[in-house]
Protein backbone atom coordinates (compact mmCIF):
# COMPACT_ATOMS: atom_id res chain seq x y z
CA MET A 1 -49.26 -51.72 -18.80
CA ASP A 2 -49.61 -49.03 -16.18
CA ASP A 3 -45.86 -49.06 -15.59
CA TYR A 4 -45.23 -48.82 -19.36
CA GLN A 5 -47.54 -45.76 -19.66
CA ILE A 6 -45.83 -44.10 -16.73
CA VAL A 7 -42.37 -44.62 -18.29
CA VAL A 8 -43.46 -43.39 -21.76
CA GLY A 9 -45.28 -40.40 -20.21
CA GLY A 10 -42.18 -39.49 -18.21
CA ILE A 11 -39.99 -39.64 -21.33
CA VAL A 12 -42.42 -37.46 -23.34
CA ALA A 13 -42.75 -34.95 -20.50
CA SER A 14 -38.96 -34.76 -20.15
CA CYS A 15 -38.57 -34.14 -23.88
CA LEU A 16 -41.17 -31.35 -23.80
CA VAL A 17 -39.43 -29.72 -20.83
CA LEU A 18 -36.09 -29.95 -22.65
CA VAL A 19 -37.55 -28.39 -25.84
CA LEU A 20 -39.17 -25.56 -23.87
CA PHE A 21 -35.90 -24.95 -21.98
CA VAL A 22 -33.95 -24.71 -25.27
CA LEU A 23 -36.53 -22.34 -26.81
CA PHE A 24 -36.52 -20.05 -23.76
CA SER A 25 -32.72 -20.07 -23.68
CA LEU A 26 -32.50 -19.06 -27.35
CA GLU A 27 -35.06 -16.28 -26.86
CA GLY A 28 -33.17 -15.00 -23.83
CA LYS A 29 -29.92 -14.91 -25.80
CA LYS A 30 -31.62 -12.89 -28.55
CA LYS A 31 -32.93 -10.37 -26.04
CA ARG A 32 -29.58 -10.07 -24.31
CA LYS A 33 -27.84 -9.67 -27.65
CA LYS A 34 -30.25 -6.91 -28.65
CA LYS A 35 -29.90 -5.17 -25.30
CA ALA A 36 -26.13 -5.44 -25.23
CA SER A 37 -25.44 -4.28 -28.80
CA GLY A 38 -21.93 -2.90 -28.90
CA LEU A 39 -20.97 -5.05 -25.90
CA ARG A 40 -18.34 -7.77 -25.63
CA TRP A 41 -18.15 -10.65 -23.19
CA VAL A 42 -14.90 -11.76 -21.60
CA LYS A 43 -14.56 -14.74 -19.30
CA SER A 44 -13.49 -14.12 -15.73
CA ASN A 45 -10.11 -15.80 -16.00
CA ASP A 46 -6.44 -14.91 -16.15
CA GLY A 47 -6.82 -13.62 -19.69
CA PHE A 48 -8.99 -10.71 -18.60
CA GLU A 49 -6.23 -8.29 -17.68
CA ASN A 50 -4.25 -9.14 -20.82
CA MET A 51 -7.23 -8.39 -23.03
CA LEU A 52 -7.99 -5.12 -21.28
CA GLY A 53 -4.41 -3.90 -21.43
CA ASN A 54 -4.40 -0.40 -19.96
CA GLY A 55 -8.17 -0.28 -19.65
CA GLU A 56 -8.76 1.32 -23.04
CA CYS A 57 -11.08 -0.34 -25.53
CA GLN A 58 -11.97 1.01 -28.94
CA PRO A 59 -15.31 0.89 -30.71
CA GLU A 60 -15.84 -1.65 -33.45
CA ASP A 61 -18.21 0.49 -35.52
CA GLU A 62 -17.72 4.02 -36.76
CA GLY A 63 -20.63 6.41 -36.34
CA SER A 64 -21.65 9.95 -35.65
CA ALA A 65 -20.65 11.54 -32.35
CA GLU A 66 -22.75 10.87 -29.28
CA ILE A 67 -21.18 13.79 -27.42
CA ILE A 68 -19.63 17.05 -28.62
CA ILE A 69 -17.19 18.77 -26.26
CA VAL A 70 -16.38 22.42 -26.91
CA GLY A 71 -12.87 23.14 -25.64
CA ALA A 72 -9.91 20.89 -24.86
CA GLY A 73 -8.43 22.52 -21.79
CA VAL A 74 -8.13 20.68 -18.49
CA ALA A 75 -11.88 20.03 -18.19
CA GLY A 76 -12.53 19.29 -21.88
CA ALA A 77 -9.58 16.95 -22.42
CA ALA A 78 -10.17 15.04 -19.16
CA LEU A 79 -13.87 14.72 -19.95
CA ALA A 80 -13.19 13.47 -23.49
CA TYR A 81 -10.93 10.70 -22.21
CA THR A 82 -13.31 9.77 -19.38
CA LEU A 83 -16.37 9.47 -21.62
CA GLY A 84 -14.47 7.87 -24.48
CA LYS A 85 -12.83 5.00 -22.64
CA VAL A 86 -14.32 1.54 -22.13
CA LYS A 87 -17.12 0.91 -19.64
CA MET A 88 -16.57 -2.15 -17.46
CA LEU A 89 -19.39 -4.20 -15.96
CA LEU A 90 -19.41 -7.29 -13.78
CA VAL A 91 -22.25 -9.64 -14.66
CA ALA A 92 -22.87 -12.53 -12.27
CA SER A 93 -25.28 -15.45 -12.13
CA SER A 94 -25.38 -18.57 -9.95
CA ASP A 95 -23.01 -20.55 -12.19
CA LEU A 96 -21.26 -17.94 -14.31
CA GLN A 97 -19.28 -14.81 -13.62
CA CYS A 98 -18.02 -12.75 -16.52
CA TYR A 99 -17.01 -9.23 -17.43
CA LEU A 100 -19.08 -7.20 -19.84
CA LEU A 101 -17.22 -4.60 -21.87
CA GLN A 102 -19.09 -1.79 -23.59
CA ASP A 103 -17.36 0.54 -26.00
CA GLY A 104 -16.86 4.12 -24.81
CA ARG A 105 -18.89 7.01 -26.15
CA ARG A 106 -18.09 8.47 -29.55
CA VAL A 107 -16.78 11.92 -28.66
CA GLN A 108 -15.97 14.88 -30.93
CA VAL A 109 -13.85 17.62 -29.35
CA ILE A 110 -13.54 21.04 -30.98
CA GLU A 111 -10.74 23.23 -29.62
CA ARG A 112 -9.96 26.79 -30.75
CA ASP A 113 -6.17 26.36 -30.56
CA LEU A 114 -4.39 23.01 -30.36
CA SER A 115 -0.93 24.50 -29.78
CA GLU A 116 0.49 24.29 -26.25
CA PRO A 117 -1.21 26.91 -24.04
CA ASP A 118 0.93 29.46 -22.21
CA ARG A 119 -0.94 30.54 -19.07
CA ILE A 120 0.00 31.80 -15.63
CA VAL A 121 -2.78 29.99 -13.76
CA GLY A 122 -3.93 26.37 -13.66
CA GLU A 123 -0.45 25.33 -12.56
CA LEU A 124 -1.14 23.92 -9.08
CA LEU A 125 -3.19 20.74 -8.64
CA GLN A 126 -4.22 20.14 -5.03
CA PRO A 127 -3.98 16.60 -3.55
CA GLY A 128 -7.78 16.24 -3.76
CA GLY A 129 -7.55 16.98 -7.47
CA TYR A 130 -4.75 14.46 -7.88
CA LEU A 131 -6.97 11.80 -6.26
CA ARG A 132 -9.66 12.59 -8.84
CA LEU A 133 -7.01 12.35 -11.56
CA ILE A 134 -6.19 8.83 -10.33
CA GLU A 135 -9.89 7.95 -10.26
CA LEU A 136 -10.21 9.00 -13.90
CA GLY A 137 -7.10 7.07 -14.96
CA LEU A 138 -5.19 10.23 -15.89
CA GLU A 139 -2.46 10.25 -13.24
CA ASP A 140 0.26 9.58 -15.81
CA CYS A 141 -0.47 13.01 -17.33
CA VAL A 142 1.68 14.63 -14.61
CA LYS A 143 4.64 12.46 -15.64
CA GLU A 144 7.33 13.51 -18.10
CA ILE A 145 6.46 17.21 -17.76
CA ASP A 146 8.90 18.00 -14.92
CA ALA A 147 5.98 18.33 -12.48
CA GLN A 148 6.93 19.05 -8.87
CA ARG A 149 5.40 17.48 -5.78
CA VAL A 150 3.78 19.92 -3.35
CA TYR A 151 3.35 18.92 0.31
CA GLY A 152 1.78 22.03 1.78
CA TYR A 153 2.20 25.76 2.24
CA ALA A 154 4.42 28.25 4.04
CA LEU A 155 2.54 31.30 5.29
CA TYR A 156 4.36 34.62 5.83
CA LYS A 157 3.21 37.73 7.69
CA ASP A 158 5.18 40.68 9.10
CA GLY A 159 8.49 38.80 9.09
CA LYS A 160 7.06 35.67 10.73
CA ASN A 161 6.29 32.40 8.96
CA THR A 162 4.70 29.04 9.63
CA LYS A 163 4.68 25.78 7.67
CA LEU A 164 1.32 24.13 6.96
CA SER A 165 1.57 20.55 5.67
CA TYR A 166 -1.17 18.64 3.87
CA PRO A 167 -2.64 15.89 6.12
CA LEU A 168 -1.47 13.01 3.92
CA GLU A 169 -0.78 10.41 6.61
CA ASN A 170 -3.68 8.16 5.56
CA PHE A 171 -2.89 8.23 1.85
CA ASP A 172 -0.43 6.40 -0.41
CA SER A 173 3.03 7.90 -0.70
CA ASP A 174 2.30 9.01 -4.27
CA VAL A 175 -0.53 11.30 -3.17
CA SER A 176 0.43 14.97 -2.89
CA GLY A 177 -0.14 18.18 -4.75
CA ARG A 178 1.47 18.68 -8.16
CA SER A 179 2.68 21.89 -9.78
CA PHE A 180 3.71 22.21 -13.43
CA HIS A 181 3.51 24.24 -16.61
CA ASN A 182 -0.18 24.39 -17.44
CA GLY A 183 0.40 23.96 -21.16
CA ARG A 184 2.48 20.80 -20.75
CA PHE A 185 -0.21 19.24 -18.57
CA ILE A 186 -2.97 20.06 -21.06
CA GLN A 187 -0.99 18.65 -23.99
CA ARG A 188 -0.47 15.39 -22.09
CA MET A 189 -4.21 15.13 -21.45
CA ARG A 190 -5.01 15.85 -25.09
CA GLU A 191 -2.61 13.08 -26.11
CA LYS A 192 -4.30 10.74 -23.65
CA ALA A 193 -7.76 11.56 -25.02
CA THR A 194 -6.75 11.10 -28.66
CA SER A 195 -5.16 7.73 -27.86
CA LEU A 196 -8.76 6.47 -28.00
CA SER A 197 -9.89 6.03 -31.60
CA ASN A 198 -13.49 6.93 -30.72
CA VAL A 199 -12.34 10.40 -29.57
CA LYS A 200 -11.90 12.89 -32.42
CA LEU A 201 -10.04 16.13 -31.61
CA GLU A 202 -10.02 18.92 -34.18
CA GLN A 203 -9.10 22.58 -34.27
CA GLY A 204 -11.95 25.00 -34.82
CA THR A 205 -13.78 27.94 -33.30
CA VAL A 206 -17.36 27.23 -32.22
CA THR A 207 -19.45 30.25 -33.13
CA ALA A 208 -22.92 29.11 -32.07
CA LEU A 209 -24.99 26.38 -30.50
CA LEU A 210 -27.60 24.94 -32.88
CA GLU A 211 -31.04 25.05 -31.29
CA GLU A 212 -34.26 23.48 -32.48
CA GLN A 213 -37.48 23.97 -30.50
CA GLY A 214 -35.58 24.67 -27.28
CA THR A 215 -33.18 21.72 -27.66
CA ILE A 216 -29.48 22.04 -28.47
CA LYS A 217 -28.76 19.76 -31.44
CA GLY A 218 -25.09 20.55 -32.03
CA VAL A 219 -22.72 23.39 -32.88
CA ARG A 220 -21.62 25.57 -35.77
CA TYR A 221 -17.88 26.12 -36.03
CA LYS A 222 -15.12 27.45 -38.26
CA THR A 223 -12.18 25.23 -39.07
CA LYS A 224 -8.57 26.37 -39.04
CA ASP A 225 -8.77 27.24 -42.74
CA GLY A 226 -11.99 29.26 -42.33
CA GLN A 227 -14.49 26.66 -43.54
CA GLU A 228 -17.87 26.78 -41.76
CA LEU A 229 -19.16 23.42 -40.62
CA THR A 230 -21.81 22.01 -38.31
CA ALA A 231 -21.53 19.06 -35.94
CA MET A 232 -24.54 17.26 -34.47
CA ALA A 233 -24.82 15.10 -31.35
CA PRO A 234 -27.44 14.23 -28.71
CA LEU A 235 -25.38 16.00 -26.01
CA THR A 236 -23.13 19.06 -26.29
CA ILE A 237 -20.88 19.88 -23.33
CA VAL A 238 -19.43 23.39 -23.29
CA CYS A 239 -15.98 23.63 -21.66
CA ASP A 240 -14.58 26.70 -23.42
CA GLY A 241 -13.03 28.31 -20.37
CA CYS A 242 -13.32 31.51 -18.36
CA PHE A 243 -13.79 33.68 -21.47
CA SER A 244 -16.64 31.49 -22.78
CA ASN A 245 -18.77 33.09 -25.48
CA LEU A 246 -21.39 30.31 -25.35
CA ARG A 247 -22.39 30.20 -21.69
CA ARG A 248 -24.82 33.15 -21.84
CA SER A 249 -27.56 30.97 -23.32
CA LEU A 250 -26.94 28.17 -20.80
CA CYS A 251 -26.57 30.04 -17.50
CA ASN A 252 -26.92 33.38 -15.74
CA PRO A 253 -23.27 34.55 -15.70
CA LYS A 254 -22.60 36.91 -12.80
CA VAL A 255 -18.86 37.38 -13.29
CA ASP A 256 -16.91 39.36 -10.70
CA VAL A 257 -13.29 40.49 -11.18
CA PRO A 258 -11.97 41.39 -7.71
CA SER A 259 -8.31 41.54 -8.77
CA HIS A 260 -5.62 40.60 -11.28
CA PHE A 261 -2.61 38.30 -11.02
CA VAL A 262 0.71 39.61 -12.26
CA GLY A 263 2.87 36.63 -13.21
CA LEU A 264 6.65 36.24 -13.23
CA VAL A 265 8.97 33.24 -13.49
CA LEU A 266 11.93 33.14 -11.09
CA GLU A 267 14.83 31.01 -12.33
CA ASN A 268 17.60 29.05 -10.64
CA CYS A 269 16.69 29.81 -7.04
CA ASP A 270 15.34 27.75 -4.12
CA LEU A 271 12.21 28.30 -2.12
CA PRO A 272 12.72 28.69 1.67
CA TYR A 273 10.57 25.56 2.15
CA ALA A 274 11.21 23.04 -0.63
CA ASN A 275 8.13 21.51 -2.34
CA HIS A 276 5.77 23.96 -0.66
CA GLY A 277 3.68 26.79 -1.96
CA HIS A 278 4.49 30.13 -0.30
CA VAL A 279 1.82 32.70 0.54
CA ILE A 280 2.94 36.14 1.70
CA LEU A 281 0.17 38.15 3.39
CA GLY A 282 1.39 41.33 1.77
CA ASP A 283 0.13 44.86 1.45
CA PRO A 284 -2.27 45.39 -0.24
CA SER A 285 -2.90 41.70 -1.06
CA PRO A 286 -1.29 38.24 -1.18
CA ILE A 287 1.84 37.23 -3.11
CA LEU A 288 2.27 33.58 -4.15
CA PHE A 289 5.32 31.48 -4.98
CA TYR A 290 5.36 27.82 -6.04
CA PRO A 291 7.59 25.61 -8.23
CA ILE A 292 6.51 24.83 -11.79
CA SER A 293 9.61 22.86 -12.83
CA SER A 294 12.90 21.71 -11.34
CA ASN A 295 14.49 25.14 -11.94
CA GLU A 296 11.54 27.57 -12.20
CA ILE A 297 9.35 29.20 -9.57
CA ARG A 298 6.10 30.91 -10.44
CA CYS A 299 5.39 34.20 -8.69
CA LEU A 300 1.87 35.60 -8.74
CA VAL A 301 1.33 39.08 -7.34
CA ASP A 302 -2.30 39.92 -6.61
CA VAL A 303 -3.26 43.46 -7.61
CA PRO A 304 -6.74 44.43 -6.34
CA GLY A 305 -9.21 46.21 -8.59
CA GLN A 306 -10.27 46.26 -12.22
CA LYS A 307 -7.07 47.86 -13.56
CA VAL A 308 -3.37 47.14 -13.26
CA PRO A 309 -0.34 49.38 -13.82
CA SER A 310 0.77 49.52 -17.46
CA ILE A 311 3.49 47.05 -18.47
CA ALA A 312 4.42 48.95 -21.64
CA SER A 313 5.03 52.27 -19.88
CA GLY A 314 7.16 50.71 -17.14
CA GLU A 315 4.66 51.48 -14.37
CA MET A 316 4.27 47.78 -13.59
CA ALA A 317 8.03 47.21 -13.15
CA LYS A 318 8.20 50.27 -10.91
CA TYR A 319 5.24 49.00 -8.83
CA LEU A 320 6.77 45.55 -8.43
CA LYS A 321 10.15 46.91 -7.37
CA SER A 322 8.93 49.63 -5.02
CA VAL A 323 5.81 48.06 -3.44
CA VAL A 324 6.14 44.27 -3.80
CA ALA A 325 9.88 43.52 -3.69
CA PRO A 326 10.41 44.72 -0.08
CA GLN A 327 7.82 42.15 1.06
CA VAL A 328 9.43 39.20 -0.76
CA PRO A 329 11.40 36.69 1.39
CA PRO A 330 15.16 37.50 1.29
CA GLU A 331 15.96 34.12 -0.29
CA LEU A 332 13.92 35.09 -3.36
CA TYR A 333 14.62 38.83 -3.58
CA ASP A 334 17.46 38.77 -6.15
CA ALA A 335 15.67 36.30 -8.42
CA PHE A 336 12.49 38.42 -8.15
CA ILE A 337 14.31 41.59 -9.26
CA ALA A 338 16.04 39.66 -12.08
CA ALA A 339 12.66 38.37 -13.32
CA ILE A 340 11.30 41.94 -13.43
CA ASP A 341 14.36 43.14 -15.35
CA LYS A 342 13.97 40.27 -17.80
CA GLY A 343 10.67 41.84 -18.79
CA LYS A 344 8.46 38.77 -19.19
CA ILE A 345 5.59 40.10 -17.07
CA ARG A 346 2.10 38.67 -17.65
CA THR A 347 -1.30 39.63 -16.25
CA MET A 348 -4.52 37.68 -15.83
CA PRO A 349 -7.89 38.82 -14.44
CA ASN A 350 -9.04 36.82 -11.41
CA ARG A 351 -12.66 35.93 -12.04
CA SER A 352 -15.29 34.41 -9.81
CA MET A 353 -18.73 33.24 -10.94
CA PRO A 354 -21.18 31.09 -8.99
CA ALA A 355 -22.84 28.26 -10.91
CA SER A 356 -26.28 29.42 -12.00
CA PRO A 357 -27.31 27.12 -14.88
CA TYR A 358 -30.38 27.10 -17.08
CA PRO A 359 -31.14 23.37 -17.51
CA THR A 360 -31.19 23.07 -21.30
CA PRO A 361 -32.08 19.89 -23.23
CA GLY A 362 -29.10 18.69 -25.24
CA ALA A 363 -26.45 20.85 -23.53
CA LEU A 364 -24.38 21.09 -20.35
CA LEU A 365 -21.75 23.49 -19.00
CA MET A 366 -18.48 22.37 -17.35
CA GLY A 367 -15.21 23.84 -16.10
CA ASP A 368 -14.54 27.58 -15.90
CA ALA A 369 -17.29 28.25 -18.43
CA PHE A 370 -19.69 27.03 -15.75
CA ASN A 371 -18.20 28.00 -12.39
CA MET A 372 -15.18 30.04 -11.24
CA ARG A 373 -13.63 31.03 -7.94
CA HIS A 374 -10.65 33.22 -6.97
CA PRO A 375 -7.48 31.27 -7.92
CA LEU A 376 -5.72 32.11 -4.63
CA THR A 377 -6.32 28.59 -3.28
CA GLY A 378 -5.62 26.72 -6.53
CA GLY A 379 -8.96 24.90 -6.41
CA GLY A 380 -10.16 25.25 -10.00
CA MET A 381 -8.81 21.99 -11.41
CA THR A 382 -9.93 20.06 -8.33
CA VAL A 383 -13.50 21.29 -8.84
CA ALA A 384 -13.41 20.52 -12.58
CA LEU A 385 -12.09 16.97 -12.09
CA SER A 386 -14.58 16.31 -9.27
CA ASP A 387 -17.39 17.48 -11.55
CA ILE A 388 -16.21 15.07 -14.25
CA VAL A 389 -16.34 12.16 -11.78
CA VAL A 390 -19.93 13.11 -10.88
CA LEU A 391 -20.99 13.43 -14.53
CA ARG A 392 -19.28 10.16 -15.51
CA ASN A 393 -21.17 8.28 -12.79
CA LEU A 394 -24.47 9.79 -13.94
CA ILE A 395 -23.97 9.02 -17.63
CA ARG A 396 -22.58 5.50 -17.09
CA PRO A 397 -25.93 3.62 -16.94
CA LEU A 398 -27.39 5.28 -20.04
CA HIS A 399 -27.66 3.26 -23.27
CA ASP A 400 -28.99 6.10 -25.38
CA LEU A 401 -28.65 9.89 -25.07
CA HIS A 402 -31.19 10.83 -27.75
CA ASP A 403 -34.14 11.58 -25.44
CA ALA A 404 -33.00 15.15 -24.76
CA SER A 405 -35.87 16.09 -22.46
CA ALA A 406 -35.52 13.00 -20.23
CA LEU A 407 -31.73 13.36 -20.20
CA CYS A 408 -31.96 17.03 -19.21
CA LYS A 409 -34.30 16.27 -16.34
CA TYR A 410 -32.06 13.44 -15.16
CA LEU A 411 -28.86 15.51 -15.36
CA GLU A 412 -30.36 18.21 -13.13
CA SER A 413 -29.06 15.99 -10.33
CA PHE A 414 -25.52 16.86 -11.50
CA TYR A 415 -25.97 20.42 -10.23
CA THR A 416 -26.95 19.15 -6.78
CA LEU A 417 -24.50 16.26 -6.44
CA ARG A 418 -21.51 18.48 -7.25
CA LYS A 419 -22.41 21.18 -4.75
CA PRO A 420 -20.88 19.97 -1.46
CA VAL A 421 -17.37 19.68 -2.96
CA ALA A 422 -17.53 22.60 -5.39
CA SER A 423 -19.22 25.00 -2.97
CA THR A 424 -16.75 24.25 -0.16
CA ILE A 425 -13.76 25.03 -2.40
CA ASN A 426 -15.47 28.06 -3.95
CA THR A 427 -16.49 29.53 -0.59
CA LEU A 428 -13.06 28.97 0.95
CA ALA A 429 -11.36 30.69 -2.01
CA GLY A 430 -13.60 33.76 -1.79
CA ALA A 431 -13.46 34.02 2.00
CA LEU A 432 -9.69 33.50 2.29
CA TYR A 433 -8.98 36.13 -0.35
CA LYS A 434 -10.98 38.74 1.57
CA VAL A 435 -9.35 37.78 4.87
CA PHE A 436 -5.82 37.76 3.41
CA CYS A 437 -6.12 41.23 1.85
CA SER A 438 -4.94 44.10 4.04
CA SER A 439 -7.44 46.69 5.24
CA PRO A 440 -7.35 49.89 7.35
CA ASP A 441 -10.38 48.60 9.28
CA PRO A 442 -9.23 47.46 12.79
CA ALA A 443 -11.71 44.55 12.77
CA ARG A 444 -10.43 43.28 9.41
CA LYS A 445 -6.84 43.66 10.65
CA GLU A 446 -7.66 41.54 13.69
CA MET A 447 -9.34 38.90 11.52
CA ARG A 448 -6.26 38.68 9.30
CA GLN A 449 -3.91 38.36 12.28
CA ALA A 450 -6.22 35.85 13.96
CA CYS A 451 -6.20 33.70 10.83
CA PHE A 452 -2.39 33.64 10.73
CA ASP A 453 -2.11 32.86 14.46
CA TYR A 454 -4.87 30.22 14.35
CA LEU A 455 -3.14 28.32 11.54
CA SER A 456 0.20 28.67 13.36
CA LEU A 457 -1.22 26.69 16.30
CA GLY A 458 -0.80 23.49 14.27
CA GLY A 459 -2.61 20.21 14.92
CA VAL A 460 -6.33 20.27 14.28
CA PHE A 461 -6.23 24.06 13.91
CA SER A 462 -4.12 23.81 10.76
CA ASP A 463 -4.98 20.29 9.57
CA GLY A 464 -8.70 21.05 9.30
CA PRO A 465 -8.40 24.20 7.14
CA ILE A 466 -5.61 22.71 5.01
CA ALA A 467 -7.69 19.55 4.42
CA LEU A 468 -10.46 21.84 3.15
CA LEU A 469 -8.12 23.87 0.93
CA SER A 470 -6.46 20.76 -0.51
CA GLY A 471 -9.76 19.11 -1.45
CA LEU A 472 -9.03 16.14 0.82
CA ASN A 473 -11.99 16.89 3.10
CA PRO A 474 -14.32 19.29 1.27
CA ARG A 475 -17.14 19.48 3.80
CA PRO A 476 -19.20 22.71 3.96
CA LEU A 477 -20.00 22.41 7.67
CA SER A 478 -16.33 21.95 8.55
CA LEU A 479 -15.54 25.09 6.55
CA VAL A 480 -18.08 27.21 8.42
CA LEU A 481 -16.98 25.86 11.81
CA HIS A 482 -13.30 26.63 11.17
CA PHE A 483 -14.07 30.05 9.72
CA PHE A 484 -16.00 31.15 12.78
CA ALA A 485 -13.47 29.44 15.06
CA VAL A 486 -10.90 31.85 13.60
CA ALA A 487 -13.25 34.77 14.27
CA LEU A 488 -13.90 33.67 17.87
CA TYR A 489 -10.17 33.12 18.37
CA GLY A 490 -9.66 36.72 17.27
CA VAL A 491 -12.34 37.95 19.69
CA GLY A 492 -10.75 35.98 22.52
CA ARG A 493 -7.38 37.61 21.82
CA LEU A 494 -9.04 41.02 22.06
CA LEU A 495 -10.84 40.32 25.35
CA ILE A 496 -7.88 38.71 27.19
CA PRO A 497 -6.57 39.69 29.66
CA PHE A 498 -8.71 42.82 30.17
CA PRO A 499 -11.69 43.58 27.96
CA SER A 500 -12.31 47.25 27.26
CA PRO A 501 -15.29 48.88 25.56
CA LYS A 502 -13.12 49.62 22.51
CA ARG A 503 -11.88 46.01 22.27
CA MET A 504 -15.40 44.64 22.78
CA TRP A 505 -16.63 46.87 19.97
CA ILE A 506 -13.84 45.68 17.65
CA GLY A 507 -14.66 42.07 18.61
CA ALA A 508 -18.34 42.58 17.75
CA ARG A 509 -17.37 44.12 14.42
CA LEU A 510 -14.99 41.23 13.78
CA ILE A 511 -17.85 38.71 14.12
CA SER A 512 -20.07 40.94 12.00
CA GLY A 513 -17.33 41.29 9.37
CA ALA A 514 -16.72 37.54 9.28
CA SER A 515 -20.45 36.98 8.72
CA GLY A 516 -20.43 39.62 6.01
CA ILE A 517 -17.62 37.78 4.23
CA ILE A 518 -18.86 34.20 4.25
CA PHE A 519 -22.66 34.39 4.24
CA PRO A 520 -23.03 36.24 0.89
CA ILE A 521 -20.74 33.64 -0.74
CA ILE A 522 -22.79 30.79 0.75
CA LYS A 523 -26.02 32.45 -0.40
CA ALA A 524 -24.68 32.73 -3.96
CA GLU A 525 -23.67 29.05 -3.89
CA GLY A 526 -27.07 27.93 -2.57
CA VAL A 527 -27.68 27.07 1.10
CA ARG A 528 -29.92 24.04 0.50
CA GLN A 529 -27.71 22.48 -2.17
CA MET A 530 -24.53 23.15 -0.20
CA PHE A 531 -25.57 21.95 3.25
CA PHE A 532 -28.72 19.88 2.69
CA PRO A 533 -28.47 18.34 -0.80
CA VAL A 534 -30.60 15.35 0.21
CA ILE A 535 -33.69 17.58 0.55
CA VAL A 536 -33.34 18.82 -3.04
CA PRO A 537 -35.65 16.76 -5.31
CA ALA A 538 -33.02 16.53 -8.08
CA TYR A 539 -30.74 14.61 -5.68
CA TYR A 540 -32.92 11.52 -6.20
CA ARG A 541 -33.25 11.57 -9.99
CA THR A 542 -32.96 8.08 -11.45
CA PRO A 543 -31.60 7.32 -14.93
CA PRO A 544 -34.21 6.96 -17.68
CA VAL A 545 -32.52 3.69 -18.78
CA TYR A 546 -31.04 1.03 -16.47
CA LEU A 547 -28.68 -1.89 -16.88
CA HIS A 548 -30.71 -4.02 -14.48
CA ASP A 549 -28.65 -7.17 -14.71
CA SER A 550 -25.23 -5.68 -14.05
CA GLU A 551 -23.15 -4.30 -11.27
CA ARG A 552 -20.53 -1.72 -12.26
CA ILE A 553 -16.95 -1.97 -11.14
């Protein structure tokens, strides 16, 4: 009898355990289904890659936009694609490993003009920017536009020149700079963004941000045919470029215009150093040459000050022929004169503006609307693409963007996390421009010559600065060390072999001048955020919503 009771009791207990197990399993599935709404499960087998295709996955349900992007330039188009494409998760348990696919964000992009832009800047993408392009899955946007590879720079001064190559030894053979027509590149990125059905791109002029009790709820805009509409979304990202009319309510814009670029296109000629940018340390300021297609070379002449000679009156052509042409390398002289005679001369103000945002619930600034630096070093697109990588990583874990206050507080970390890269490139651009401009001051002359001679030494003396300029090693401390190494190198040249009171005085003024160049730029960028981001509280902000059971790939 006792044995019979034990057997029956064991059977009953086993049945109860089985029932409880089934009930808990069903409840768990319901919770996971609720939590992962809009998600799809794919087994970890050979069929995974085939189902993913090129990594793009479209939403199953139509709905209102989660994110509005104002502007579809380099930053806006790249951001739209990045936020709109599929999110990939790897979910693992003790006996099961599978991929979790979540549809990309629903993105509405409003661009003032969808025709191909025709600009004279935004044509050189540094290798660091190209690496970010690869990280975002946009590297094919430099294909089929006759983009040219760029492997470094040639620096000219007083009839001497030196070649400065990017330190690419530790990278794949495909990694280099790229130069191209800006408009072709932007059109390719717009096409890439609109290849996702959850990204809507339309032409319209945004006239205002819609605010309700301190929170941005959306935008008001005029369509191409003049119709006034509104668009609403939990998050509005303003990327409307250097002439932004919306940033004033989102930041403290301190725009400086130190100079203008005068742009020409030289045709059917070869650069002295193929696939290299050329920088001439001219008088009064630098002259740039770089390829933008297989048979075109862009020339940018920097003209200091707020005004430029008139193109219509012929003053500009006269200035270019009398002041600039004698400083152009002989190999390019005839093509330079022919480009002037052709008459297609363009100008563009060179703007710089440190990032000084007002954290605003429901809105964020990106691209040139948010932060600008002198375009001498070609760092703008690298900064924009790096910012997009930072923002993508921050937004990835979030299920819902509707809690504007919590989202705003969380995204304050964006301003800190971007600083080391952005501030290094910004500071280098501002400092190099001031050093490369000619000056009657003996100390500034020595600094300019010291910079040329320091870079001409090669090895670590050129690799370090070029790694900074190219975005391959954007470290603030390395920038400061190299900058003052140039200054000390200049002082050493003055004091050897025989120091004199006059030379010692010039050396002291050289150090003082170098400090006067770089420290104000660093101060504007933010010392703590630039050099010590880990001590800024926003660095440690955690997302208001987690995907606890997943590990992103």
